[in-house]
Amino acid sequence: RDVPNALVFIDKYTQIPRFLSPIVDFCDSIPELSRNDQIASYIGEQFGSERNLKMAVLADYFKHGFDGSGDDGGSCIDGRLTSSWNWTSRIVKKNYYHAFMLSGFQGFDGDFK
């Protein structure tokens, strides 16, 4: 196999904040969201608590975002990045997706506001 040059890996590593930043931003926004009584009620009814909502998102991401589902026989980083991108593409089917949307989430591919 050909060994990729360093620029290929730099490009791969620069993708990481594109999917981690929205997750971190969402988790950080949960207390602020909960200041709204209706949203706090929704979080309580659906997840039990703010902490449970945060843990549901993080547990799901760490379970599926690094599961190797994107492995195509390439480098380890390729498979893990693809697994993470696969997870982001499935977020609309997650039970916490509506909470993401209430936080102002726009997507994982940049700010389109």
Foldseek 3Di string as FASTA:
>chain_A
DDDDDPVVVVVLVVLVCLLVVLLVLLLVCLVVQCVDVVSVVVCCVQQNHSVSLNCVVVVVCVVQLQPQPQDPPDDSSRSNNVSNVVVQVCLVVDPCNVSSVSSVDDGSHDDPD
